[in-house]
Amino acid sequence: MESGARIGDRWVDVVVDTLKTNKVEIVTYVPDKVLAPLIARIHADPYFTAFQLAREEEGLGIATGAWMGGKRSLLLMQTSGFATLANVLASLVVACQIPALMMISERGALGDHQLGQAIVCRTMRPVLESLGIDHHVITRLDETGFIVEQAIQQACATQAPVALILSPLLTKNPANL
C-alpha cells in the first residue's frame, strides 16, 4: 500500500464499492493527503483506470471525453484545487451538460487553519450554487454509500455535474477509519 494510506479506512471501502457498483471506471486526481487512502485503493484495484493530473481542469476535460466515450469518471481534489475550476465548469461542463462527478476533500474548516484553504472553503459552496451545480456534504460513514450512489445516478440522469464534499467529520473521525 502506498505511503499515506491507512489500513481500515472504512469510508474509503464504501466509496470504492459504490463507484464500482455504479460503473465509475476512470478516476483522475491531484494528490491530497486526505484523499491518499482512497487514491491508493483505487490504484491497487485493476477495475479502475486512475492517473494523476497536474491541474484539476485537466480532470474535467477528461471527464468530458470519458462521458462522450460512454464512460463514467470521478475527479478527486482538495478544496483549494476547486478554486481553479469556475471557468471550465461554466464554459464546458455546465454548458455542455456533462455529468462530471467531483469529490472534494474539505480543507480550511474544522481545525485546518491554513488561510488559503479557509478562504477557498468559504467560497466553494457559493460558487457551486451560482453555477447551479448540486453539491452534497458527506459527514458520516452511514450516509456515504447512499450519497455517493445517488449523486452518480443524479449526475448521469440529469446530465449535470455534481460535487461531493468530504467533511473532516467523515475523513478525520476515528470511528470512520
N, C-alpha and C. Protein backbone atom coordinates (compact mmCIF):
# COMPACT_ATOMS: atom_id res chain seq x y z
N MET A 1 0.85 -1.18 0.00
CA MET A 1 0.00 0.00 0.00
C MET A 1 0.89 1.24 0.00
N GLU A 2 0.51 2.27 -0.72
CA GLU A 2 1.32 3.48 -0.83
C GLU A 2 1.39 4.21 0.50
N SER A 3 2.48 4.99 0.67
CA SER A 3 2.59 5.76 1.89
C SER A 3 1.44 6.76 1.98
N GLY A 4 1.02 7.03 3.20
CA GLY A 4 -0.10 7.93 3.39
C GLY A 4 -1.43 7.20 3.50
N ALA A 5 -1.48 5.96 3.01
CA ALA A 5 -2.71 5.19 3.09
C ALA A 5 -2.77 4.51 4.46
N ARG A 6 -3.93 4.49 5.05
CA ARG A 6 -4.12 3.86 6.35
C ARG A 6 -4.96 2.61 6.16
N ILE A 7 -4.57 1.59 6.84
CA ILE A 7 -5.35 0.35 6.79
C ILE A 7 -6.63 0.58 7.57
N GLY A 8 -7.76 0.19 7.00
CA GLY A 8 -9.02 0.26 7.71
C GLY A 8 -9.80 1.54 7.52
N ASP A 9 -9.55 2.29 6.48
CA ASP A 9 -10.35 3.49 6.21
C ASP A 9 -11.70 3.02 5.67
N ARG A 10 -12.66 2.91 6.55
CA ARG A 10 -13.95 2.35 6.16
C ARG A 10 -14.67 3.21 5.14
N TRP A 11 -14.56 4.53 5.23
CA TRP A 11 -15.22 5.38 4.24
C TRP A 11 -14.65 5.12 2.86
N VAL A 12 -13.36 4.82 2.79
CA VAL A 12 -12.72 4.51 1.51
C VAL A 12 -13.32 3.25 0.91
N ASP A 13 -13.51 2.22 1.73
CA ASP A 13 -14.11 0.97 1.26
C ASP A 13 -15.50 1.23 0.68
N VAL A 14 -16.28 2.03 1.37
CA VAL A 14 -17.64 2.33 0.90
C VAL A 14 -17.61 3.08 -0.43
N VAL A 15 -16.73 4.07 -0.54
CA VAL A 15 -16.64 4.84 -1.79
C VAL A 15 -16.21 3.94 -2.95
N VAL A 16 -15.18 3.13 -2.75
CA VAL A 16 -14.70 2.26 -3.82
C VAL A 16 -15.79 1.28 -4.26
N ASP A 17 -16.45 0.66 -3.31
CA ASP A 17 -17.53 -0.28 -3.66
C ASP A 17 -18.66 0.42 -4.41
N THR A 18 -19.01 1.63 -3.99
CA THR A 18 -20.10 2.36 -4.63
C THR A 18 -19.71 2.80 -6.04
N LEU A 19 -18.47 3.21 -6.23
CA LEU A 19 -18.01 3.58 -7.57
C LEU A 19 -18.11 2.38 -8.51
N LYS A 20 -17.68 1.23 -8.05
CA LYS A 20 -17.72 0.03 -8.88
C LYS A 20 -19.16 -0.38 -9.20
N THR A 21 -20.02 -0.35 -8.20
CA THR A 21 -21.43 -0.70 -8.41
C THR A 21 -22.08 0.20 -9.45
N ASN A 22 -21.64 1.46 -9.51
CA ASN A 22 -22.22 2.44 -10.42
C ASN A 22 -21.37 2.68 -11.67
N LYS A 23 -20.47 1.76 -11.95
CA LYS A 23 -19.69 1.74 -13.19
C LYS A 23 -18.85 2.99 -13.43
N VAL A 24 -18.30 3.55 -12.36
CA VAL A 24 -17.35 4.65 -12.49
C VAL A 24 -15.97 4.01 -12.60
N GLU A 25 -15.38 4.07 -13.79
CA GLU A 25 -14.15 3.34 -14.07
C GLU A 25 -12.90 4.22 -14.12
N ILE A 26 -13.07 5.47 -14.45
CA ILE A 26 -11.92 6.37 -14.64
C ILE A 26 -11.86 7.34 -13.46
N VAL A 27 -10.70 7.41 -12.82
CA VAL A 27 -10.51 8.31 -11.69
C VAL A 27 -9.27 9.15 -11.93
N THR A 28 -9.47 10.45 -11.90
CA THR A 28 -8.35 11.39 -12.02
C THR A 28 -8.23 12.14 -10.72
N TYR A 29 -7.02 12.62 -10.43
CA TYR A 29 -6.82 13.28 -9.15
C TYR A 29 -5.59 14.17 -9.16
N VAL A 30 -5.64 15.14 -8.29
CA VAL A 30 -4.46 15.90 -7.91
C VAL A 30 -4.17 15.43 -6.49
N PRO A 31 -2.92 15.04 -6.18
CA PRO A 31 -2.63 14.45 -4.87
C PRO A 31 -3.11 15.31 -3.71
N ASP A 32 -3.55 14.62 -2.67
CA ASP A 32 -4.08 15.26 -1.47
C ASP A 32 -3.90 14.30 -0.31
N LYS A 33 -3.44 14.80 0.81
CA LYS A 33 -3.20 13.96 1.98
C LYS A 33 -4.48 13.27 2.46
N VAL A 34 -5.58 13.99 2.50
CA VAL A 34 -6.84 13.41 2.97
C VAL A 34 -7.32 12.31 2.03
N LEU A 35 -7.15 12.51 0.74
CA LEU A 35 -7.61 11.54 -0.24
C LEU A 35 -6.61 10.41 -0.51
N ALA A 36 -5.42 10.48 0.08
CA ALA A 36 -4.37 9.49 -0.17
C ALA A 36 -4.83 8.05 0.02
N PRO A 37 -5.59 7.71 1.07
CA PRO A 37 -6.03 6.32 1.20
C PRO A 37 -6.96 5.88 0.07
N LEU A 38 -7.82 6.77 -0.37
CA LEU A 38 -8.72 6.47 -1.49
C LEU A 38 -7.94 6.31 -2.78
N ILE A 39 -7.01 7.21 -3.02
CA ILE A 39 -6.19 7.14 -4.23
C ILE A 39 -5.39 5.84 -4.26
N ALA A 40 -4.82 5.45 -3.11
CA ALA A 40 -4.05 4.20 -3.04
C ALA A 40 -4.92 2.99 -3.34
N ARG A 41 -6.12 2.96 -2.79
CA ARG A 41 -7.04 1.83 -3.03
C ARG A 41 -7.46 1.76 -4.49
N ILE A 42 -7.72 2.89 -5.09
CA ILE A 42 -8.13 2.92 -6.50
C ILE A 42 -6.99 2.44 -7.38
N HIS A 43 -5.77 2.89 -7.10
CA HIS A 43 -4.62 2.44 -7.89
C HIS A 43 -4.38 0.94 -7.74
N ALA A 44 -4.70 0.40 -6.58
CA ALA A 44 -4.46 -1.02 -6.32
C ALA A 44 -5.52 -1.92 -6.95
N ASP A 45 -6.62 -1.35 -7.40
CA ASP A 45 -7.73 -2.13 -7.93
C ASP A 45 -7.70 -2.09 -9.46
N PRO A 46 -7.55 -3.25 -10.11
CA PRO A 46 -7.46 -3.26 -11.57
C PRO A 46 -8.75 -2.82 -12.28
N TYR A 47 -9.84 -2.72 -11.56
CA TYR A 47 -11.09 -2.24 -12.16
C TYR A 47 -10.95 -0.82 -12.67
N PHE A 48 -10.18 -0.01 -11.96
CA PHE A 48 -10.09 1.42 -12.26
C PHE A 48 -8.92 1.76 -13.17
N THR A 49 -9.14 2.78 -14.00
CA THR A 49 -8.06 3.44 -14.70
C THR A 49 -7.88 4.77 -13.97
N ALA A 50 -6.74 4.93 -13.33
CA ALA A 50 -6.52 6.11 -12.49
C ALA A 50 -5.20 6.76 -12.83
N PHE A 51 -5.22 8.08 -12.83
CA PHE A 51 -3.96 8.78 -13.05
C PHE A 51 -3.98 10.18 -12.45
N GLN A 52 -2.78 10.60 -12.13
CA GLN A 52 -2.55 11.90 -11.50
C GLN A 52 -2.54 13.01 -12.54
N LEU A 53 -3.07 14.15 -12.14
CA LEU A 53 -3.14 15.33 -13.01
C LEU A 53 -2.16 16.39 -12.52
N ALA A 54 -1.84 17.30 -13.40
CA ALA A 54 -1.08 18.49 -12.99
C ALA A 54 -2.02 19.56 -12.45
N ARG A 55 -3.22 19.64 -13.02
CA ARG A 55 -4.21 20.63 -12.61
C ARG A 55 -5.61 20.03 -12.68
N GLU A 56 -6.48 20.52 -11.84
CA GLU A 56 -7.84 20.00 -11.77
C GLU A 56 -8.62 20.19 -13.07
N GLU A 57 -8.33 21.25 -13.80
CA GLU A 57 -9.02 21.50 -15.06
C GLU A 57 -8.86 20.33 -16.03
N GLU A 58 -7.69 19.70 -16.01
CA GLU A 58 -7.46 18.54 -16.87
C GLU A 58 -8.47 17.44 -16.57
N GLY A 59 -8.79 17.27 -15.30
CA GLY A 59 -9.74 16.24 -14.90
C GLY A 59 -11.12 16.46 -15.48
N LEU A 60 -11.53 17.71 -15.56
CA LEU A 60 -12.84 17.99 -16.15
C LEU A 60 -12.82 17.78 -17.66
N GLY A 61 -11.70 18.06 -18.30
CA GLY A 61 -11.57 17.75 -19.72
C GLY A 61 -11.63 16.26 -19.96
N ILE A 62 -10.98 15.49 -19.10
CA ILE A 62 -11.01 14.03 -19.22
C ILE A 62 -12.42 13.51 -18.93
N ALA A 63 -13.08 14.09 -17.93
CA ALA A 63 -14.46 13.68 -17.62
C ALA A 63 -15.38 13.91 -18.82
N THR A 64 -15.16 15.02 -19.52
CA THR A 64 -15.97 15.32 -20.71
C THR A 64 -15.72 14.28 -21.80
N GLY A 65 -14.46 14.00 -22.07
CA GLY A 65 -14.13 12.98 -23.07
C GLY A 65 -14.61 11.60 -22.68
N ALA A 66 -14.48 11.26 -21.41
CA ALA A 66 -14.94 9.96 -20.93
C ALA A 66 -16.45 9.81 -21.14
N TRP A 67 -17.20 10.84 -20.77
CA TRP A 67 -18.66 10.79 -20.93
C TRP A 67 -19.03 10.64 -22.41
N MET A 68 -18.36 11.39 -23.26
CA MET A 68 -18.64 11.30 -24.70
C MET A 68 -18.28 9.92 -25.25
N GLY A 69 -17.33 9.25 -24.59
CA GLY A 69 -16.95 7.90 -25.00
C GLY A 69 -17.71 6.80 -24.27
N GLY A 70 -18.72 7.18 -23.51
CA GLY A 70 -19.55 6.19 -22.84
C GLY A 70 -19.04 5.70 -21.50
N LYS A 71 -18.12 6.43 -20.89
CA LYS A 71 -17.55 6.03 -19.60
C LYS A 71 -17.88 7.05 -18.52
N ARG A 72 -17.91 6.58 -17.31
CA ARG A 72 -18.13 7.44 -16.14
C ARG A 72 -16.80 7.68 -15.45
N SER A 73 -16.64 8.89 -14.91
CA SER A 73 -15.38 9.22 -14.26
C SER A 73 -15.62 10.00 -12.98
N LEU A 74 -14.55 10.11 -12.21
CA LEU A 74 -14.55 10.84 -10.95
C LEU A 74 -13.27 11.67 -10.89
N LEU A 75 -13.41 12.93 -10.49
CA LEU A 75 -12.27 13.81 -10.27
C LEU A 75 -12.13 14.03 -8.78
N LEU A 76 -10.96 13.69 -8.23
CA LEU A 76 -10.65 13.88 -6.82
C LEU A 76 -9.77 15.11 -6.66
N MET A 77 -10.08 15.93 -5.66
CA MET A 77 -9.28 17.13 -5.41
C MET A 77 -9.53 17.63 -4.00
N GLN A 78 -8.72 18.56 -3.57
CA GLN A 78 -8.97 19.23 -2.29
C GLN A 78 -9.61 20.59 -2.55
N THR A 79 -10.07 21.21 -1.51
CA THR A 79 -10.80 22.47 -1.62
C THR A 79 -10.03 23.51 -2.43
N SER A 80 -8.75 23.67 -2.17
CA SER A 80 -8.00 24.72 -2.88
C SER A 80 -7.95 24.46 -4.38
N GLY A 81 -7.95 23.20 -4.79
CA GLY A 81 -7.96 22.87 -6.21
C GLY A 81 -9.25 23.27 -6.89
N PHE A 82 -10.33 23.26 -6.12
CA PHE A 82 -11.61 23.68 -6.69
C PHE A 82 -11.56 25.14 -7.15
N ALA A 83 -10.75 25.95 -6.49
CA ALA A 83 -10.69 27.38 -6.80
C ALA A 83 -10.30 27.66 -8.25
N THR A 84 -9.68 26.70 -8.91
CA THR A 84 -9.23 26.91 -10.29
C THR A 84 -10.29 26.54 -11.33
N LEU A 85 -11.44 26.05 -10.91
CA LEU A 85 -12.36 25.40 -11.85
C LEU A 85 -13.54 26.22 -12.37
N ALA A 86 -13.78 27.40 -11.87
CA ALA A 86 -15.01 28.12 -12.25
C ALA A 86 -15.17 28.27 -13.76
N ASN A 87 -14.13 28.64 -14.46
CA ASN A 87 -14.24 28.86 -15.91
C ASN A 87 -14.57 27.57 -16.65
N VAL A 88 -13.83 26.50 -16.39
CA VAL A 88 -14.08 25.26 -17.13
C VAL A 88 -15.43 24.65 -16.74
N LEU A 89 -15.85 24.84 -15.50
CA LEU A 89 -17.19 24.37 -15.12
C LEU A 89 -18.26 25.12 -15.90
N ALA A 90 -18.16 26.46 -15.91
CA ALA A 90 -19.19 27.27 -16.58
C ALA A 90 -19.16 27.11 -18.09
N SER A 91 -17.98 27.12 -18.69
CA SER A 91 -17.90 27.16 -20.15
C SER A 91 -17.92 25.80 -20.83
N LEU A 92 -17.64 24.73 -20.09
CA LEU A 92 -17.62 23.40 -20.70
C LEU A 92 -18.61 22.46 -20.02
N VAL A 93 -18.38 22.17 -18.77
CA VAL A 93 -19.14 21.11 -18.10
C VAL A 93 -20.62 21.46 -17.96
N VAL A 94 -20.92 22.63 -17.43
CA VAL A 94 -22.33 23.02 -17.28
C VAL A 94 -22.94 23.31 -18.65
N ALA A 95 -22.23 24.07 -19.47
CA ALA A 95 -22.77 24.46 -20.78
C ALA A 95 -23.05 23.26 -21.69
N CYS A 96 -22.22 22.23 -21.60
CA CYS A 96 -22.38 21.05 -22.47
C CYS A 96 -23.09 19.89 -21.78
N GLN A 97 -23.60 20.12 -20.60
CA GLN A 97 -24.35 19.13 -19.84
C GLN A 97 -23.55 17.83 -19.63
N ILE A 98 -22.38 17.98 -19.06
CA ILE A 98 -21.51 16.84 -18.76
C ILE A 98 -21.72 16.44 -17.30
N PRO A 99 -22.06 15.20 -17.04
CA PRO A 99 -22.28 14.76 -15.67
C PRO A 99 -20.97 14.49 -14.92
N ALA A 100 -20.18 15.52 -14.80
CA ALA A 100 -18.88 15.38 -14.12
C ALA A 100 -19.10 15.17 -12.63
N LEU A 101 -18.49 14.12 -12.11
CA LEU A 101 -18.57 13.82 -10.69
C LEU A 101 -17.26 14.29 -10.04
N MET A 102 -17.39 15.18 -9.07
CA MET A 102 -16.23 15.72 -8.37
C MET A 102 -16.32 15.34 -6.90
N MET A 103 -15.22 14.85 -6.35
CA MET A 103 -15.15 14.55 -4.92
C MET A 103 -14.06 15.44 -4.34
N ILE A 104 -14.45 16.25 -3.36
CA ILE A 104 -13.58 17.30 -2.85
C ILE A 104 -13.35 17.10 -1.36
N SER A 105 -12.08 16.95 -0.96
CA SER A 105 -11.80 16.89 0.47
C SER A 105 -11.88 18.31 1.02
N GLU A 106 -12.73 18.49 1.99
CA GLU A 106 -12.96 19.82 2.54
C GLU A 106 -11.80 20.21 3.44
N ARG A 107 -11.09 21.22 3.03
CA ARG A 107 -9.96 21.75 3.79
C ARG A 107 -10.29 23.18 4.16
N GLY A 108 -9.62 23.68 5.21
CA GLY A 108 -9.86 25.05 5.65
C GLY A 108 -10.99 25.18 6.64
N ALA A 109 -11.44 24.07 7.19
CA ALA A 109 -12.52 24.09 8.18
C ALA A 109 -12.19 23.07 9.27
N LEU A 110 -12.83 23.20 10.38
CA LEU A 110 -12.72 22.24 11.48
C LEU A 110 -11.28 21.87 11.82
N GLY A 111 -10.52 22.86 12.22
CA GLY A 111 -9.16 22.62 12.68
C GLY A 111 -8.08 22.80 11.64
N ASP A 112 -8.44 23.01 10.39
CA ASP A 112 -7.44 23.28 9.34
C ASP A 112 -7.40 24.79 9.16
N HIS A 113 -6.40 25.41 9.74
CA HIS A 113 -6.37 26.87 9.81
C HIS A 113 -5.42 27.51 8.79
N GLN A 114 -5.20 26.84 7.67
CA GLN A 114 -4.40 27.43 6.60
C GLN A 114 -5.24 28.49 5.90
N LEU A 115 -4.74 29.70 5.86
CA LEU A 115 -5.52 30.82 5.34
C LEU A 115 -6.03 30.58 3.92
N GLY A 116 -5.16 30.13 3.03
CA GLY A 116 -5.58 29.89 1.64
C GLY A 116 -6.69 28.86 1.55
N GLN A 117 -6.59 27.80 2.33
CA GLN A 117 -7.63 26.77 2.33
C GLN A 117 -8.93 27.33 2.90
N ALA A 118 -8.83 28.11 3.97
CA ALA A 118 -10.03 28.66 4.62
C ALA A 118 -10.79 29.60 3.68
N ILE A 119 -10.07 30.42 2.94
CA ILE A 119 -10.72 31.35 2.01
C ILE A 119 -11.48 30.59 0.93
N VAL A 120 -10.83 29.61 0.34
CA VAL A 120 -11.50 28.84 -0.71
C VAL A 120 -12.66 28.04 -0.13
N CYS A 121 -12.50 27.52 1.07
CA CYS A 121 -13.59 26.77 1.70
C CYS A 121 -14.83 27.64 1.85
N ARG A 122 -14.65 28.90 2.21
CA ARG A 122 -15.79 29.82 2.36
C ARG A 122 -16.44 30.17 1.03
N THR A 123 -15.71 30.08 -0.06
CA THR A 123 -16.25 30.47 -1.36
C THR A 123 -16.74 29.30 -2.21
N MET A 124 -16.35 28.08 -1.85
CA MET A 124 -16.65 26.92 -2.70
C MET A 124 -18.16 26.71 -2.88
N ARG A 125 -18.92 26.66 -1.82
CA ARG A 125 -20.36 26.42 -1.95
C ARG A 125 -21.06 27.54 -2.71
N PRO A 126 -20.76 28.82 -2.43
CA PRO A 126 -21.41 29.87 -3.23
C PRO A 126 -21.08 29.78 -4.72
N VAL A 127 -19.87 29.37 -5.08
CA VAL A 127 -19.53 29.20 -6.49
C VAL A 127 -20.34 28.06 -7.09
N LEU A 128 -20.41 26.93 -6.38
CA LEU A 128 -21.21 25.81 -6.86
C LEU A 128 -22.67 26.23 -7.04
N GLU A 129 -23.20 26.96 -6.08
CA GLU A 129 -24.59 27.40 -6.16
C GLU A 129 -24.80 28.37 -7.32
N SER A 130 -23.88 29.29 -7.53
CA SER A 130 -24.05 30.26 -8.62
C SER A 130 -23.99 29.59 -9.98
N LEU A 131 -23.28 28.47 -10.09
CA LEU A 131 -23.22 27.72 -11.35
C LEU A 131 -24.35 26.70 -11.47
N GLY A 132 -25.18 26.61 -10.44
CA GLY A 132 -26.29 25.66 -10.47
C GLY A 132 -25.84 24.22 -10.33
N ILE A 133 -24.71 23.99 -9.67
CA ILE A 133 -24.17 22.64 -9.51
C ILE A 133 -24.59 22.10 -8.14
N ASP A 134 -25.32 20.98 -8.18
CA ASP A 134 -25.70 20.34 -6.93
C ASP A 134 -24.46 19.87 -6.19
N HIS A 135 -24.51 19.99 -4.88
CA HIS A 135 -23.40 19.53 -4.06
C HIS A 135 -23.94 18.96 -2.76
N HIS A 136 -23.25 17.95 -2.30
CA HIS A 136 -23.68 17.22 -1.11
C HIS A 136 -22.48 17.03 -0.20
N VAL A 137 -22.66 17.31 1.07
CA VAL A 137 -21.60 17.15 2.05
C VAL A 137 -21.79 15.80 2.74
N ILE A 138 -20.72 15.03 2.78
CA ILE A 138 -20.76 13.73 3.45
C ILE A 138 -20.05 13.88 4.78
N THR A 139 -20.78 13.64 5.86
CA THR A 139 -20.23 13.83 7.19
C THR A 139 -20.11 12.53 7.99
N ARG A 140 -20.90 11.50 7.61
CA ARG A 140 -20.94 10.27 8.40
C ARG A 140 -20.75 9.03 7.52
N LEU A 141 -20.16 8.03 8.08
CA LEU A 141 -19.93 6.78 7.37
C LEU A 141 -21.24 6.15 6.92
N ASP A 142 -22.26 6.18 7.77
CA ASP A 142 -23.51 5.51 7.43
C ASP A 142 -24.28 6.16 6.29
N GLU A 143 -23.92 7.37 5.90
CA GLU A 143 -24.58 8.04 4.78
C GLU A 143 -23.74 8.05 3.52
N THR A 144 -22.51 7.61 3.61
CA THR A 144 -21.56 7.72 2.50
C THR A 144 -22.02 6.99 1.24
N GLY A 145 -22.33 5.73 1.36
CA GLY A 145 -22.74 4.95 0.18
C GLY A 145 -23.98 5.52 -0.48
N PHE A 146 -24.97 5.87 0.31
CA PHE A 146 -26.21 6.41 -0.23
C PHE A 146 -25.96 7.71 -0.99
N ILE A 147 -25.22 8.63 -0.38
CA ILE A 147 -24.99 9.93 -1.03
C ILE A 147 -24.16 9.77 -2.30
N VAL A 148 -23.11 8.97 -2.26
CA VAL A 148 -22.27 8.78 -3.45
C VAL A 148 -23.09 8.14 -4.56
N GLU A 149 -23.85 7.10 -4.25
CA GLU A 149 -24.64 6.43 -5.28
C GLU A 149 -25.70 7.35 -5.87
N GLN A 150 -26.42 8.05 -5.02
CA GLN A 150 -27.47 8.95 -5.52
C GLN A 150 -26.88 10.09 -6.35
N ALA A 151 -25.72 10.59 -5.96
CA ALA A 151 -25.08 11.66 -6.73
C ALA A 151 -24.66 11.18 -8.12
N ILE A 152 -24.11 9.98 -8.20
CA ILE A 152 -23.72 9.42 -9.50
C ILE A 152 -24.96 9.26 -10.38
N GLN A 153 -26.00 8.67 -9.84
CA GLN A 153 -27.22 8.44 -10.61
C GLN A 153 -27.87 9.77 -11.02
N GLN A 154 -27.87 10.74 -10.11
CA GLN A 154 -28.42 12.06 -10.42
C GLN A 154 -27.64 12.73 -11.54
N ALA A 155 -26.32 12.71 -11.44
CA ALA A 155 -25.49 13.36 -12.46
C ALA A 155 -25.75 12.75 -13.83
N CYS A 156 -25.78 11.42 -13.90
CA CYS A 156 -25.98 10.76 -15.19
C CYS A 156 -27.39 10.98 -15.73
N ALA A 157 -28.39 10.92 -14.88
CA ALA A 157 -29.77 11.08 -15.33
C ALA A 157 -30.07 12.50 -15.79
N THR A 158 -29.49 13.48 -15.12
CA THR A 158 -29.78 14.88 -15.44
C THR A 158 -28.73 15.50 -16.36
N GLN A 159 -27.66 14.75 -16.63
CA GLN A 159 -26.52 15.25 -17.40
C GLN A 159 -26.05 16.59 -16.86
N ALA A 160 -25.79 16.58 -15.56
CA ALA A 160 -25.31 17.78 -14.87
C ALA A 160 -24.21 17.38 -13.89
N PRO A 161 -23.24 18.25 -13.69
CA PRO A 161 -22.18 17.93 -12.73
C PRO A 161 -22.71 17.91 -11.31
N VAL A 162 -21.99 17.21 -10.46
CA VAL A 162 -22.32 17.16 -9.04
C VAL A 162 -21.02 17.10 -8.24
N ALA A 163 -21.02 17.77 -7.10
CA ALA A 163 -19.85 17.78 -6.23
C ALA A 163 -20.18 17.07 -4.93
N LEU A 164 -19.29 16.20 -4.53
CA LEU A 164 -19.38 15.53 -3.24
C LEU A 164 -18.28 16.10 -2.36
N ILE A 165 -18.66 16.70 -1.25
CA ILE A 165 -17.71 17.34 -0.36
C ILE A 165 -17.51 16.42 0.84
N LEU A 166 -16.27 15.97 1.02
CA LEU A 166 -15.94 15.07 2.12
C LEU A 166 -15.56 15.90 3.33
N SER A 167 -16.44 15.94 4.31
CA SER A 167 -16.21 16.71 5.53
C SER A 167 -15.13 16.05 6.39
N PRO A 168 -14.36 16.87 7.12
CA PRO A 168 -13.44 16.30 8.10
C PRO A 168 -14.15 15.44 9.14
N LEU A 169 -15.44 15.66 9.34
CA LEU A 169 -16.20 14.80 10.25
C LEU A 169 -16.21 13.36 9.77
N LEU A 170 -16.10 13.15 8.45
CA LEU A 170 -16.01 11.81 7.88
C LEU A 170 -14.56 11.33 7.84
N THR A 171 -13.69 12.15 7.24
CA THR A 171 -12.33 11.69 6.93
C THR A 171 -11.37 11.70 8.12
N LYS A 172 -11.66 12.46 9.15
CA LYS A 172 -10.76 12.52 10.32
C LYS A 172 -11.37 11.90 11.57
N ASN A 173 -12.58 11.37 11.47
CA ASN A 173 -13.24 10.77 12.62
C ASN A 173 -12.70 9.36 12.81
N PRO A 174 -12.09 9.07 13.97
CA PRO A 174 -11.52 7.72 14.19
C PRO A 174 -12.55 6.60 14.04
N ALA A 175 -13.82 6.88 14.26
CA ALA A 175 -14.85 5.84 14.09
C ALA A 175 -15.01 5.45 12.63
N ASN A 176 -14.60 6.30 11.71
CA ASN A 176 -14.75 6.02 10.28
C ASN A 176 -13.47 5.45 9.67
N LEU A 177 -12.43 5.34 10.46
CA LEU A 177 -11.15 4.87 9.94
C LEU A 177 -10.95 3.40 10.24
